[in-house]
Amino acid sequence: MTMQAEDERLGQVAYEAYSANTGGKSLATGDDLPMWGDLLDVFHTAWIAAARAVLMDLGGSMTVPPDEPEDEGDEAPV
């Protein structure tokens, strides 16, 4: 994974965690949040910068795993 792809994935993970924890709504406006791929580049840049700042504050860099579909066969029945 290239550094640019790693940064993109890091920003996406941060944005999607925010969205998941707000019920998919903006805390500022209450509007539905768009999917990561529908955001303007300026928002991608901001989320990537925020995620990188947290990562650096925690002591450096780490490799972000590629976005892989979850294997539904590994889940225990509920």
Protein backbone atom coordinates (compact mmCIF):
# COMPACT_ATOMS: atom_id res chain seq x y z
CA MET A 1 0.00 0.00 0.00
CA THR A 2 1.43 3.37 -0.98
CA MET A 3 1.75 6.19 1.55
CA GLN A 4 -1.01 8.10 -0.26
CA ALA A 5 -3.33 5.07 -0.16
CA GLU A 6 -2.46 4.51 3.51
CA ASP A 7 -3.28 8.14 4.31
CA GLU A 8 -6.55 7.88 2.41
CA ARG A 9 -7.50 4.72 4.30
CA LEU A 10 -6.56 6.31 7.64
CA GLY A 11 -8.80 9.32 6.93
CA GLN A 12 -11.63 7.07 5.80
CA VAL A 13 -11.44 4.95 8.96
CA ALA A 14 -11.57 8.09 11.13
CA TYR A 15 -14.50 9.57 9.19
CA GLU A 16 -16.46 6.33 9.22
CA ALA A 17 -15.90 5.95 12.98
CA TYR A 18 -17.25 9.49 13.47
CA SER A 19 -20.24 8.70 11.27
CA ALA A 20 -20.94 5.42 13.07
CA ASN A 21 -20.86 7.16 16.44
CA THR A 22 -23.23 9.93 15.40
CA GLY A 23 -25.81 7.70 13.77
CA GLY A 24 -24.70 8.95 10.36
CA LYS A 25 -25.68 12.53 11.24
CA SER A 26 -23.62 15.71 11.43
CA LEU A 27 -23.37 16.87 15.03
CA ALA A 28 -23.19 20.45 13.76
CA THR A 29 -26.26 20.46 11.52
CA GLY A 30 -28.11 17.20 12.07
CA ASP A 31 -27.92 16.48 8.34
CA ASP A 32 -27.17 13.01 7.02
CA LEU A 33 -23.45 12.47 6.51
CA PRO A 34 -22.38 11.49 3.00
CA MET A 35 -20.38 8.35 2.32
CA TRP A 36 -16.59 8.82 2.27
CA GLY A 37 -16.46 8.52 -1.52
CA ASP A 38 -19.05 11.28 -1.91
CA LEU A 39 -17.11 13.86 0.15
CA LEU A 40 -15.30 16.72 -1.54
CA ASP A 41 -11.50 16.45 -1.55
CA VAL A 42 -11.23 19.26 1.01
CA PHE A 43 -13.02 17.04 3.55
CA HIS A 44 -10.79 14.07 2.70
CA THR A 45 -7.75 16.27 3.30
CA ALA A 46 -9.11 17.46 6.66
CA TRP A 47 -9.96 13.95 7.91
CA ILE A 48 -6.59 12.61 6.77
CA ALA A 49 -4.81 15.45 8.60
CA ALA A 50 -6.82 14.83 11.77
CA ALA A 51 -6.19 11.09 11.71
CA ARG A 52 -2.47 11.59 11.03
CA ALA A 53 -2.22 14.07 13.94
CA VAL A 54 -3.72 11.50 16.32
CA LEU A 55 -1.42 8.81 15.00
CA MET A 56 1.65 11.02 15.45
CA ASP A 57 0.57 12.00 18.96
CA LEU A 58 0.36 8.31 19.83
CA GLY A 59 3.97 7.81 18.90
CA GLY A 60 4.49 7.57 15.22
CA SER A 61 3.29 5.71 12.24
CA MET A 62 1.64 2.39 11.76
CA THR A 63 0.59 0.47 8.74
CA VAL A 64 -3.12 0.71 8.09
CA PRO A 65 -4.54 -2.59 6.86
CA PRO A 66 -6.16 -2.51 3.44
CA ASP A 67 -9.91 -2.27 3.28
CA GLU A 68 -10.99 -5.89 3.09
CA PRO A 69 -14.51 -7.27 3.17
CA GLU A 70 -15.34 -9.04 6.40
CA ASP A 71 -15.52 -12.80 6.25
CA GLU A 72 -19.01 -13.49 7.54
CA GLY A 73 -18.17 -17.16 8.05
CA ASP A 74 -15.91 -16.35 11.05
CA GLU A 75 -18.63 -14.79 13.17
CA ALA A 76 -20.15 -16.71 16.02
CA PRO A 77 -23.93 -17.08 15.93
CA VAL A 78 -25.79 -14.65 18.13
